[in-house]
ModelCIF file with pLDDT and N, C-alpha, C, O atoms, coordinates in Angstrom:
data_MODEL
#
_entry.id   MODEL 
#
_entity.id                         1 
_entity.type                       polymer 
_entity.pdbx_number_of_molecules   1 
#
_entity_poly.entity_id                      1 
_entity_poly.type                           'polypeptide(L)' 
_entity_poly.nstd_linkage                   no 
_entity_poly.nstd_monomer                   no 
_entity_poly.pdbx_seq_one_letter_code       GQPGGPRKLSCAASETISSMKGMGWYRQAPGKQRELVASITTGGS 
_entity_poly.pdbx_seq_one_letter_code_can   GQPGGPRKLSCAASETISSMKGMGWYRQAPGKQRELVASITTGGS 
_entity_poly.pdbx_strand_id                 A 
#
loop_
_entity_poly_seq.entity_id 
_entity_poly_seq.num 
_entity_poly_seq.mon_id 
_entity_poly_seq.hetero 
1 1  GLY n 
1 2  GLN n 
1 3  PRO n 
1 4  GLY n 
1 5  GLY n 
1 6  PRO n 
1 7  ARG n 
1 8  LYS n 
1 9  LEU n 
1 10 SER n 
1 11 CYS n 
1 12 ALA n 
1 13 ALA n 
1 14 SER n 
1 15 GLU n 
1 16 THR n 
1 17 ILE n 
1 18 SER n 
1 19 SER n 
1 20 MET n 
1 21 LYS n 
1 22 GLY n 
1 23 MET n 
1 24 GLY n 
1 25 TRP n 
1 26 TYR n 
1 27 ARG n 
1 28 GLN n 
1 29 ALA n 
1 30 PRO n 
1 31 GLY n 
1 32 LYS n 
1 33 GLN n 
1 34 ARG n 
1 35 GLU n 
1 36 LEU n 
1 37 VAL n 
1 38 ALA n 
1 39 SER n 
1 40 ILE n 
1 41 THR n 
1 42 THR n 
1 43 GLY n 
1 44 GLY n 
1 45 SER n 
#
_struct_asym.id          A 
_struct_asym.entity_id   1 
#
loop_
_ma_qa_metric.id 
_ma_qa_metric.mode 
_ma_qa_metric.name 
_ma_qa_metric.software_group_id 
_ma_qa_metric.type 
1 global pLDDT . pLDDT 
2 local  pLDDT . pLDDT 
#
_ma_qa_metric_global.metric_id      1 
_ma_qa_metric_global.metric_value   95.04 
_ma_qa_metric_global.model_id       1 
_ma_qa_metric_global.ordinal_id     1 
#
loop_
_ma_qa_metric_local.label_asym_id 
_ma_qa_metric_local.label_comp_id 
_ma_qa_metric_local.label_seq_id 
_ma_qa_metric_local.metric_id 
_ma_qa_metric_local.metric_value 
_ma_qa_metric_local.model_id 
_ma_qa_metric_local.ordinal_id 
A GLY 1  2 94.00 1 1  
A GLN 2  2 96.00 1 2  
A PRO 3  2 97.00 1 3  
A GLY 4  2 97.00 1 4  
A GLY 5  2 97.00 1 5  
A PRO 6  2 97.00 1 6  
A ARG 7  2 97.00 1 7  
A LYS 8  2 98.00 1 8  
A LEU 9  2 98.00 1 9  
A SER 10 2 98.00 1 10 
A CYS 11 2 98.00 1 11 
A ALA 12 2 97.00 1 12 
A ALA 13 2 96.00 1 13 
A SER 14 2 95.00 1 14 
A GLU 15 2 91.00 1 15 
A THR 16 2 92.00 1 16 
A ILE 17 2 90.00 1 17 
A SER 18 2 87.00 1 18 
A SER 19 2 85.00 1 19 
A MET 20 2 89.00 1 20 
A LYS 21 2 92.00 1 21 
A GLY 22 2 94.00 1 22 
A MET 23 2 96.00 1 23 
A GLY 24 2 97.00 1 24 
A TRP 25 2 98.00 1 25 
A TYR 26 2 98.00 1 26 
A ARG 27 2 98.00 1 27 
A GLN 28 2 98.00 1 28 
A ALA 29 2 96.00 1 29 
A PRO 30 2 92.00 1 30 
A GLY 31 2 94.00 1 31 
A LYS 32 2 96.00 1 32 
A GLN 33 2 97.00 1 33 
A ARG 34 2 97.00 1 34 
A GLU 35 2 98.00 1 35 
A LEU 36 2 98.00 1 36 
A VAL 37 2 98.00 1 37 
A ALA 38 2 98.00 1 38 
A SER 39 2 98.00 1 39 
A ILE 40 2 96.00 1 40 
A THR 41 2 94.00 1 41 
A THR 42 2 90.00 1 42 
A GLY 43 2 90.00 1 43 
A GLY 44 2 90.00 1 44 
A SER 45 2 95.00 1 45 
#
loop_
_atom_site.group_PDB 
_atom_site.id 
_atom_site.type_symbol 
_atom_site.label_atom_id 
_atom_site.label_alt_id 
_atom_site.label_comp_id 
_atom_site.label_asym_id 
_atom_site.label_entity_id 
_atom_site.label_seq_id 
_atom_site.pdbx_PDB_ins_code 
_atom_site.Cartn_x 
_atom_site.Cartn_y 
_atom_site.Cartn_z 
_atom_site.occupancy 
_atom_site.B_iso_or_equiv 
_atom_site.pdbx_formal_charge 
_atom_site.auth_seq_id 
_atom_site.auth_comp_id 
_atom_site.auth_asym_id 
_atom_site.auth_atom_id 
_atom_site.pdbx_PDB_model_num 
ATOM 1   N N  . GLY A 1 1  ? -5.740  -6.421  14.935  1.00 94.00 ? 1  GLY A N  1 
ATOM 2   C CA . GLY A 1 1  ? -4.910  -7.580  14.661  1.00 94.00 ? 1  GLY A CA 1 
ATOM 3   C C  . GLY A 1 1  ? -4.155  -7.989  15.893  1.00 94.00 ? 1  GLY A C  1 
ATOM 4   O O  . GLY A 1 1  ? -3.800  -7.149  16.720  1.00 94.00 ? 1  GLY A O  1 
ATOM 5   N N  . GLN A 1 2  ? -3.906  -9.269  16.024  1.00 96.00 ? 2  GLN A N  1 
ATOM 6   C CA . GLN A 1 2  ? -3.167  -9.788  17.162  1.00 96.00 ? 2  GLN A CA 1 
ATOM 7   C C  . GLN A 1 2  ? -1.664  -9.711  16.902  1.00 96.00 ? 2  GLN A C  1 
ATOM 8   O O  . GLN A 1 2  ? -1.226  -9.935  15.774  1.00 96.00 ? 2  GLN A O  1 
ATOM 9   N N  . PRO A 1 3  ? -0.880  -9.403  17.912  1.00 97.00 ? 3  PRO A N  1 
ATOM 10  C CA . PRO A 1 3  ? 0.583   -9.455  17.713  1.00 97.00 ? 3  PRO A CA 1 
ATOM 11  C C  . PRO A 1 3  ? 0.989   -10.838 17.226  1.00 97.00 ? 3  PRO A C  1 
ATOM 12  O O  . PRO A 1 3  ? 0.574   -11.860 17.773  1.00 97.00 ? 3  PRO A O  1 
ATOM 13  N N  . GLY A 1 4  ? 1.804   -10.841 16.190  1.00 97.00 ? 4  GLY A N  1 
ATOM 14  C CA . GLY A 1 4  ? 2.238   -12.092 15.606  1.00 97.00 ? 4  GLY A CA 1 
ATOM 15  C C  . GLY A 1 4  ? 1.287   -12.652 14.572  1.00 97.00 ? 4  GLY A C  1 
ATOM 16  O O  . GLY A 1 4  ? 1.606   -13.636 13.904  1.00 97.00 ? 4  GLY A O  1 
ATOM 17  N N  . GLY A 1 5  ? 0.142   -12.050 14.432  1.00 97.00 ? 5  GLY A N  1 
ATOM 18  C CA . GLY A 1 5  ? -0.862  -12.544 13.522  1.00 97.00 ? 5  GLY A CA 1 
ATOM 19  C C  . GLY A 1 5  ? -0.836  -11.879 12.159  1.00 97.00 ? 5  GLY A C  1 
ATOM 20  O O  . GLY A 1 5  ? -0.013  -10.998 11.912  1.00 97.00 ? 5  GLY A O  1 
ATOM 21  N N  . PRO A 1 6  ? -1.735  -12.296 11.267  1.00 97.00 ? 6  PRO A N  1 
ATOM 22  C CA . PRO A 1 6  ? -1.800  -11.737 9.934   1.00 97.00 ? 6  PRO A CA 1 
ATOM 23  C C  . PRO A 1 6  ? -2.980  -10.765 9.762   1.00 97.00 ? 6  PRO A C  1 
ATOM 24  O O  . PRO A 1 6  ? -3.937  -10.755 10.537  1.00 97.00 ? 6  PRO A O  1 
ATOM 25  N N  . ARG A 1 7  ? -2.861  -9.979  8.742   1.00 97.00 ? 7  ARG A N  1 
ATOM 26  C CA . ARG A 1 7  ? -3.936  -9.089  8.337   1.00 97.00 ? 7  ARG A CA 1 
ATOM 27  C C  . ARG A 1 7  ? -3.689  -8.786  6.874   1.00 97.00 ? 7  ARG A C  1 
ATOM 28  O O  . ARG A 1 7  ? -2.545  -8.591  6.465   1.00 97.00 ? 7  ARG A O  1 
ATOM 29  N N  . LYS A 1 8  ? -4.762  -8.743  6.070   1.00 98.00 ? 8  LYS A N  1 
ATOM 30  C CA . LYS A 1 8  ? -4.604  -8.463  4.639   1.00 98.00 ? 8  LYS A CA 1 
ATOM 31  C C  . LYS A 1 8  ? -5.436  -7.249  4.275   1.00 98.00 ? 8  LYS A C  1 
ATOM 32  O O  . LYS A 1 8  ? -6.643  -7.205  4.514   1.00 98.00 ? 8  LYS A O  1 
ATOM 33  N N  . LEU A 1 9  ? -4.769  -6.266  3.693   1.00 98.00 ? 9  LEU A N  1 
ATOM 34  C CA . LEU A 1 9  ? -5.435  -5.062  3.226   1.00 98.00 ? 9  LEU A CA 1 
ATOM 35  C C  . LEU A 1 9  ? -5.647  -5.140  1.721   1.00 98.00 ? 9  LEU A C  1 
ATOM 36  O O  . LEU A 1 9  ? -4.848  -5.728  0.991   1.00 98.00 ? 9  LEU A O  1 
ATOM 37  N N  . SER A 1 10 ? -6.734  -4.537  1.277   1.00 98.00 ? 10 SER A N  1 
ATOM 38  C CA . SER A 1 10 ? -7.026  -4.472  -0.151  1.00 98.00 ? 10 SER A CA 1 
ATOM 39  C C  . SER A 1 10 ? -7.260  -3.017  -0.549  1.00 98.00 ? 10 SER A C  1 
ATOM 40  O O  . SER A 1 10 ? -7.770  -2.212  0.231   1.00 98.00 ? 10 SER A O  1 
ATOM 41  N N  . CYS A 1 11 ? -6.880  -2.712  -1.761  1.00 98.00 ? 11 CYS A N  1 
ATOM 42  C CA . CYS A 1 11 ? -7.106  -1.379  -2.316  1.00 98.00 ? 11 CYS A CA 1 
ATOM 43  C C  . CYS A 1 11 ? -7.703  -1.569  -3.714  1.00 98.00 ? 11 CYS A C  1 
ATOM 44  O O  . CYS A 1 11 ? -7.018  -1.973  -4.653  1.00 98.00 ? 11 CYS A O  1 
ATOM 45  N N  . ALA A 1 12 ? -8.971  -1.271  -3.819  1.00 97.00 ? 12 ALA A N  1 
ATOM 46  C CA . ALA A 1 12 ? -9.658  -1.419  -5.097  1.00 97.00 ? 12 ALA A CA 1 
ATOM 47  C C  . ALA A 1 12 ? -9.679  -0.087  -5.821  1.00 97.00 ? 12 ALA A C  1 
ATOM 48  O O  . ALA A 1 12 ? -10.094 0.929   -5.263  1.00 97.00 ? 12 ALA A O  1 
ATOM 49  N N  . ALA A 1 13 ? -9.229  -0.097  -7.063  1.00 96.00 ? 13 ALA A N  1 
ATOM 50  C CA . ALA A 1 13 ? -9.151  1.120   -7.867  1.00 96.00 ? 13 ALA A CA 1 
ATOM 51  C C  . ALA A 1 13 ? -10.327 1.180   -8.841  1.00 96.00 ? 13 ALA A C  1 
ATOM 52  O O  . ALA A 1 13 ? -10.814 0.148   -9.303  1.00 96.00 ? 13 ALA A O  1 
ATOM 53  N N  . SER A 1 14 ? -10.775 2.397   -9.149  1.00 95.00 ? 14 SER A N  1 
ATOM 54  C CA . SER A 1 14 ? -11.897 2.578   -10.063 1.00 95.00 ? 14 SER A CA 1 
ATOM 55  C C  . SER A 1 14 ? -11.475 2.486   -11.513 1.00 95.00 ? 14 SER A C  1 
ATOM 56  O O  . SER A 1 14 ? -12.316 2.386   -12.406 1.00 95.00 ? 14 SER A O  1 
ATOM 57  N N  . GLU A 1 15 ? -10.161 2.519   -11.753 1.00 91.00 ? 15 GLU A N  1 
ATOM 58  C CA . GLU A 1 15 ? -9.650  2.397   -13.108 1.00 91.00 ? 15 GLU A CA 1 
ATOM 59  C C  . GLU A 1 15 ? -8.576  1.324   -13.144 1.00 91.00 ? 15 GLU A C  1 
ATOM 60  O O  . GLU A 1 15 ? -8.074  0.879   -12.112 1.00 91.00 ? 15 GLU A O  1 
ATOM 61  N N  . THR A 1 16 ? -8.238  0.923   -14.365 1.00 92.00 ? 16 THR A N  1 
ATOM 62  C CA . THR A 1 16 ? -7.278  -0.153  -14.500 1.00 92.00 ? 16 THR A CA 1 
ATOM 63  C C  . THR A 1 16 ? -5.940  0.220   -13.879 1.00 92.00 ? 16 THR A C  1 
ATOM 64  O O  . THR A 1 16 ? -5.384  1.278   -14.172 1.00 92.00 ? 16 THR A O  1 
ATOM 65  N N  . ILE A 1 17 ? -5.434  -0.643  -13.033 1.00 90.00 ? 17 ILE A N  1 
ATOM 66  C CA . ILE A 1 17 ? -4.170  -0.344  -12.360 1.00 90.00 ? 17 ILE A CA 1 
ATOM 67  C C  . ILE A 1 17 ? -2.988  -0.511  -13.307 1.00 90.00 ? 17 ILE A C  1 
ATOM 68  O O  . ILE A 1 17 ? -1.878  -0.073  -13.004 1.00 90.00 ? 17 ILE A O  1 
ATOM 69  N N  . SER A 1 18 ? -3.224  -1.139  -14.444 1.00 87.00 ? 18 SER A N  1 
ATOM 70  C CA . SER A 1 18 ? -2.151  -1.279  -15.432 1.00 87.00 ? 18 SER A CA 1 
ATOM 71  C C  . SER A 1 18 ? -1.779  0.073   -16.017 1.00 87.00 ? 18 SER A C  1 
ATOM 72  O O  . SER A 1 18 ? -0.696  0.230   -16.581 1.00 87.00 ? 18 SER A O  1 
ATOM 73  N N  . SER A 1 19 ? -2.672  1.053   -15.885 1.00 85.00 ? 19 SER A N  1 
ATOM 74  C CA . SER A 1 19 ? -2.382  2.384   -16.413 1.00 85.00 ? 19 SER A CA 1 
ATOM 75  C C  . SER A 1 19 ? -1.603  3.238   -15.425 1.00 85.00 ? 19 SER A C  1 
ATOM 76  O O  . SER A 1 19 ? -1.188  4.352   -15.745 1.00 85.00 ? 19 SER A O  1 
ATOM 77  N N  . MET A 1 20 ? -1.410  2.711   -14.229 1.00 89.00 ? 20 MET A N  1 
ATOM 78  C CA . MET A 1 20 ? -0.695  3.462   -13.185 1.00 89.00 ? 20 MET A CA 1 
ATOM 79  C C  . MET A 1 20 ? 0.811   3.282   -13.343 1.00 89.00 ? 20 MET A C  1 
ATOM 80  O O  . MET A 1 20 ? 1.288   2.212   -13.719 1.00 89.00 ? 20 MET A O  1 
ATOM 81  N N  . LYS A 1 21 ? 1.551   4.355   -13.047 1.00 92.00 ? 21 LYS A N  1 
ATOM 82  C CA . LYS A 1 21 ? 3.009   4.225   -13.011 1.00 92.00 ? 21 LYS A CA 1 
ATOM 83  C C  . LYS A 1 21 ? 3.405   3.298   -11.861 1.00 92.00 ? 21 LYS A C  1 
ATOM 84  O O  . LYS A 1 21 ? 4.368   2.536   -11.950 1.00 92.00 ? 21 LYS A O  1 
ATOM 85  N N  . GLY A 1 22 ? 2.629   3.391   -10.781 1.00 94.00 ? 22 GLY A N  1 
ATOM 86  C CA . GLY A 1 22 ? 2.909   2.565   -9.621  1.00 94.00 ? 22 GLY A CA 1 
ATOM 87  C C  . GLY A 1 22 ? 1.827   2.754   -8.585  1.00 94.00 ? 22 GLY A C  1 
ATOM 88  O O  . GLY A 1 22 ? 1.041   3.700   -8.631  1.00 94.00 ? 22 GLY A O  1 
ATOM 89  N N  . MET A 1 23 ? 1.812   1.816   -7.642  1.00 96.00 ? 23 MET A N  1 
ATOM 90  C CA . MET A 1 23 ? 0.874   1.929   -6.526  1.00 96.00 ? 23 MET A CA 1 
ATOM 91  C C  . MET A 1 23 ? 1.619   1.569   -5.258  1.00 96.00 ? 23 MET A C  1 
ATOM 92  O O  . MET A 1 23 ? 2.594   0.818   -5.276  1.00 96.00 ? 23 MET A O  1 
ATOM 93  N N  . GLY A 1 24 ? 1.140   2.118   -4.166  1.00 97.00 ? 24 GLY A N  1 
ATOM 94  C CA . GLY A 1 24 ? 1.845   1.864   -2.928  1.00 97.00 ? 24 GLY A CA 1 
ATOM 95  C C  . GLY A 1 24 ? 0.950   1.933   -1.714  1.00 97.00 ? 24 GLY A C  1 
ATOM 96  O O  . GLY A 1 24 ? -0.173  2.435   -1.760  1.00 97.00 ? 24 GLY A O  1 
ATOM 97  N N  . TRP A 1 25 ? 1.480   1.418   -0.638  1.00 98.00 ? 25 TRP A N  1 
ATOM 98  C CA . TRP A 1 25 ? 0.829   1.497   0.659   1.00 98.00 ? 25 TRP A CA 1 
ATOM 99  C C  . TRP A 1 25 ? 1.683   2.374   1.579   1.00 98.00 ? 25 TRP A C  1 
ATOM 100 O O  . TRP A 1 25 ? 2.894   2.192   1.697   1.00 98.00 ? 25 TRP A O  1 
ATOM 101 N N  . TYR A 1 26 ? 1.020   3.312   2.212   1.00 98.00 ? 26 TYR A N  1 
ATOM 102 C CA . TYR A 1 26 ? 1.651   4.183   3.187   1.00 98.00 ? 26 TYR A CA 1 
ATOM 103 C C  . TYR A 1 26 ? 0.948   3.971   4.522   1.00 98.00 ? 26 TYR A C  1 
ATOM 104 O O  . TYR A 1 26 ? -0.145  3.407   4.577   1.00 98.00 ? 26 TYR A O  1 
ATOM 105 N N  . ARG A 1 27 ? 1.574   4.418   5.576   1.00 98.00 ? 27 ARG A N  1 
ATOM 106 C CA . ARG A 1 27 ? 0.911   4.376   6.876   1.00 98.00 ? 27 ARG A CA 1 
ATOM 107 C C  . ARG A 1 27 ? 1.300   5.608   7.687   1.00 98.00 ? 27 ARG A C  1 
ATOM 108 O O  . ARG A 1 27 ? 2.369   6.194   7.512   1.00 98.00 ? 27 ARG A O  1 
ATOM 109 N N  . GLN A 1 28 ? 0.389   5.969   8.576   1.00 98.00 ? 28 GLN A N  1 
ATOM 110 C CA . GLN A 1 28 ? 0.642   7.109   9.449   1.00 98.00 ? 28 GLN A CA 1 
ATOM 111 C C  . GLN A 1 28 ? 0.178   6.759   10.855  1.00 98.00 ? 28 GLN A C  1 
ATOM 112 O O  . GLN A 1 28 ? -1.008  6.547   11.107  1.00 98.00 ? 28 GLN A O  1 
ATOM 113 N N  . ALA A 1 29 ? 1.135   6.705   11.752  1.00 96.00 ? 29 ALA A N  1 
ATOM 114 C CA . ALA A 1 29 ? 0.827   6.454   13.153  1.00 96.00 ? 29 ALA A CA 1 
ATOM 115 C C  . ALA A 1 29 ? 0.590   7.788   13.852  1.00 96.00 ? 29 ALA A C  1 
ATOM 116 O O  . ALA A 1 29 ? 1.054   8.822   13.373  1.00 96.00 ? 29 ALA A O  1 
ATOM 117 N N  . PRO A 1 30 ? -0.117  7.783   14.964  1.00 92.00 ? 30 PRO A N  1 
ATOM 118 C CA . PRO A 1 30 ? -0.379  9.032   15.685  1.00 92.00 ? 30 PRO A CA 1 
ATOM 119 C C  . PRO A 1 30 ? 0.911   9.763   16.034  1.00 92.00 ? 30 PRO A C  1 
ATOM 120 O O  . PRO A 1 30 ? 1.844   9.178   16.584  1.00 92.00 ? 30 PRO A O  1 
ATOM 121 N N  . GLY A 1 31 ? 0.946   11.057  15.705  1.00 94.00 ? 31 GLY A N  1 
ATOM 122 C CA . GLY A 1 31 ? 2.103   11.871  16.013  1.00 94.00 ? 31 GLY A CA 1 
ATOM 123 C C  . GLY A 1 31 ? 3.293   11.668  15.108  1.00 94.00 ? 31 GLY A C  1 
ATOM 124 O O  . GLY A 1 31 ? 4.352   12.254  15.335  1.00 94.00 ? 31 GLY A O  1 
ATOM 125 N N  . LYS A 1 32 ? 3.137   10.832  14.069  1.00 96.00 ? 32 LYS A N  1 
ATOM 126 C CA . LYS A 1 32 ? 4.256   10.575  13.164  1.00 96.00 ? 32 LYS A CA 1 
ATOM 127 C C  . LYS A 1 32 ? 3.895   10.964  11.747  1.00 96.00 ? 32 LYS A C  1 
ATOM 128 O O  . LYS A 1 32 ? 2.725   11.120  11.397  1.00 96.00 ? 32 LYS A O  1 
ATOM 129 N N  . GLN A 1 33 ? 4.924   11.114  10.948  1.00 97.00 ? 33 GLN A N  1 
ATOM 130 C CA . GLN A 1 33 ? 4.716   11.434  9.538   1.00 97.00 ? 33 GLN A CA 1 
ATOM 131 C C  . GLN A 1 33 ? 4.272   10.193  8.765   1.00 97.00 ? 33 GLN A C  1 
ATOM 132 O O  . GLN A 1 33 ? 4.560   9.059   9.147   1.00 97.00 ? 33 GLN A O  1 
ATOM 133 N N  . ARG A 1 34 ? 3.576   10.442  7.692   1.00 97.00 ? 34 ARG A N  1 
ATOM 134 C CA . ARG A 1 34 ? 3.179   9.340   6.821   1.00 97.00 ? 34 ARG A CA 1 
ATOM 135 C C  . ARG A 1 34 ? 4.433   8.754   6.182   1.00 97.00 ? 34 ARG A C  1 
ATOM 136 O O  . ARG A 1 34 ? 5.304   9.487   5.714   1.00 97.00 ? 34 ARG A O  1 
ATOM 137 N N  . GLU A 1 35 ? 4.517   7.426   6.169   1.00 98.00 ? 35 GLU A N  1 
ATOM 138 C CA . GLU A 1 35 ? 5.693   6.783   5.582   1.00 98.00 ? 35 GLU A CA 1 
ATOM 139 C C  . GLU A 1 35 ? 5.281   5.740   4.543   1.00 98.00 ? 35 GLU A C  1 
ATOM 140 O O  . GLU A 1 35 ? 4.222   5.119   4.631   1.00 98.00 ? 35 GLU A O  1 
ATOM 141 N N  . LEU A 1 36 ? 6.157   5.578   3.566   1.00 98.00 ? 36 LEU A N  1 
ATOM 142 C CA . LEU A 1 36 ? 5.939   4.547   2.554   1.00 98.00 ? 36 LEU A CA 1 
ATOM 143 C C  . LEU A 1 36 ? 6.259   3.187   3.170   1.00 98.00 ? 36 LEU A C  1 
ATOM 144 O O  . LEU A 1 36 ? 7.323   2.990   3.757   1.00 98.00 ? 36 LEU A O  1 
ATOM 145 N N  . VAL A 1 37 ? 5.335   2.268   3.027   1.00 98.00 ? 37 VAL A N  1 
ATOM 146 C CA . VAL A 1 37 ? 5.514   0.918   3.548   1.00 98.00 ? 37 VAL A CA 1 
ATOM 147 C C  . VAL A 1 37 ? 5.946   -0.030  2.437   1.00 98.00 ? 37 VAL A C  1 
ATOM 148 O O  . VAL A 1 37 ? 6.907   -0.784  2.595   1.00 98.00 ? 37 VAL A O  1 
ATOM 149 N N  . ALA A 1 38 ? 5.247   0.009   1.330   1.00 98.00 ? 38 ALA A N  1 
ATOM 150 C CA . ALA A 1 38 ? 5.557   -0.876  0.222   1.00 98.00 ? 38 ALA A CA 1 
ATOM 151 C C  . ALA A 1 38 ? 5.003   -0.283  -1.057  1.00 98.00 ? 38 ALA A C  1 
ATOM 152 O O  . ALA A 1 38 ? 3.989   0.415   -1.042  1.00 98.00 ? 38 ALA A O  1 
ATOM 153 N N  . SER A 1 39 ? 5.671   -0.563  -2.162  1.00 98.00 ? 39 SER A N  1 
ATOM 154 C CA . SER A 1 39 ? 5.200   -0.053  -3.442  1.00 98.00 ? 39 SER A CA 1 
ATOM 155 C C  . SER A 1 39 ? 5.510   -1.052  -4.531  1.00 98.00 ? 39 SER A C  1 
ATOM 156 O O  . SER A 1 39 ? 6.389   -1.904  -4.399  1.00 98.00 ? 39 SER A O  1 
ATOM 157 N N  . ILE A 1 40 ? 4.755   -0.919  -5.621  1.00 96.00 ? 40 ILE A N  1 
ATOM 158 C CA . ILE A 1 40 ? 4.965   -1.780  -6.780  1.00 96.00 ? 40 ILE A CA 1 
ATOM 159 C C  . ILE A 1 40 ? 4.748   -0.933  -8.032  1.00 96.00 ? 40 ILE A C  1 
ATOM 160 O O  . ILE A 1 40 ? 3.759   -0.209  -8.144  1.00 96.00 ? 40 ILE A O  1 
ATOM 161 N N  . THR A 1 41 ? 5.691   -1.038  -8.971  1.00 94.00 ? 41 THR A N  1 
ATOM 162 C CA . THR A 1 41 ? 5.584   -0.266  -10.198 1.00 94.00 ? 41 THR A CA 1 
ATOM 163 C C  . THR A 1 41 ? 4.872   -1.100  -11.267 1.00 94.00 ? 41 THR A C  1 
ATOM 164 O O  . THR A 1 41 ? 4.634   -2.297  -11.104 1.00 94.00 ? 41 THR A O  1 
ATOM 165 N N  . THR A 1 42 ? 4.547   -0.423  -12.356 1.00 90.00 ? 42 THR A N  1 
ATOM 166 C CA . THR A 1 42 ? 3.903   -1.113  -13.470 1.00 90.00 ? 42 THR A CA 1 
ATOM 167 C C  . THR A 1 42 ? 4.769   -2.266  -13.964 1.00 90.00 ? 42 THR A C  1 
ATOM 168 O O  . THR A 1 42 ? 4.261   -3.313  -14.367 1.00 90.00 ? 42 THR A O  1 
ATOM 169 N N  . GLY A 1 43 ? 6.084   -2.059  -13.928 1.00 90.00 ? 43 GLY A N  1 
ATOM 170 C CA . GLY A 1 43 ? 7.004   -3.082  -14.384 1.00 90.00 ? 43 GLY A CA 1 
ATOM 171 C C  . GLY A 1 43 ? 7.232   -4.196  -13.385 1.00 90.00 ? 43 GLY A C  1 
ATOM 172 O O  . GLY A 1 43 ? 7.912   -5.179  -13.681 1.00 90.00 ? 43 GLY A O  1 
ATOM 173 N N  . GLY A 1 44 ? 6.659   -4.041  -12.198 1.00 90.00 ? 44 GLY A N  1 
ATOM 174 C CA . GLY A 1 44 ? 6.764   -5.091  -11.208 1.00 90.00 ? 44 GLY A CA 1 
ATOM 175 C C  . GLY A 1 44 ? 7.855   -4.901  -10.165 1.00 90.00 ? 44 GLY A C  1 
ATOM 176 O O  . GLY A 1 44 ? 8.067   -5.777  -9.327  1.00 90.00 ? 44 GLY A O  1 
ATOM 177 N N  . SER A 1 45 ? 8.542   -3.780  -10.206 1.00 95.00 ? 45 SER A N  1 
ATOM 178 C CA . SER A 1 45 ? 9.563   -3.525  -9.189  1.00 95.00 ? 45 SER A CA 1 
ATOM 179 C C  . SER A 1 45 ? 8.892   -3.253  -7.849  1.00 95.00 ? 45 SER A C  1 
ATOM 180 O O  . SER A 1 45 ? 9.575   -3.014  -6.853  1.00 95.00 ? 45 SER A O  1 
#
């Protein structure tokens, strides 16, 4: 991706995501711990 530009990630689940308590995106950079980037609960939080 270009600095200042966009990128869209997708996560396709094998089961209905409505059954999940929540889903989230994490990231891990080299030499760093995995961190939570964004999450969404079943209720939409």
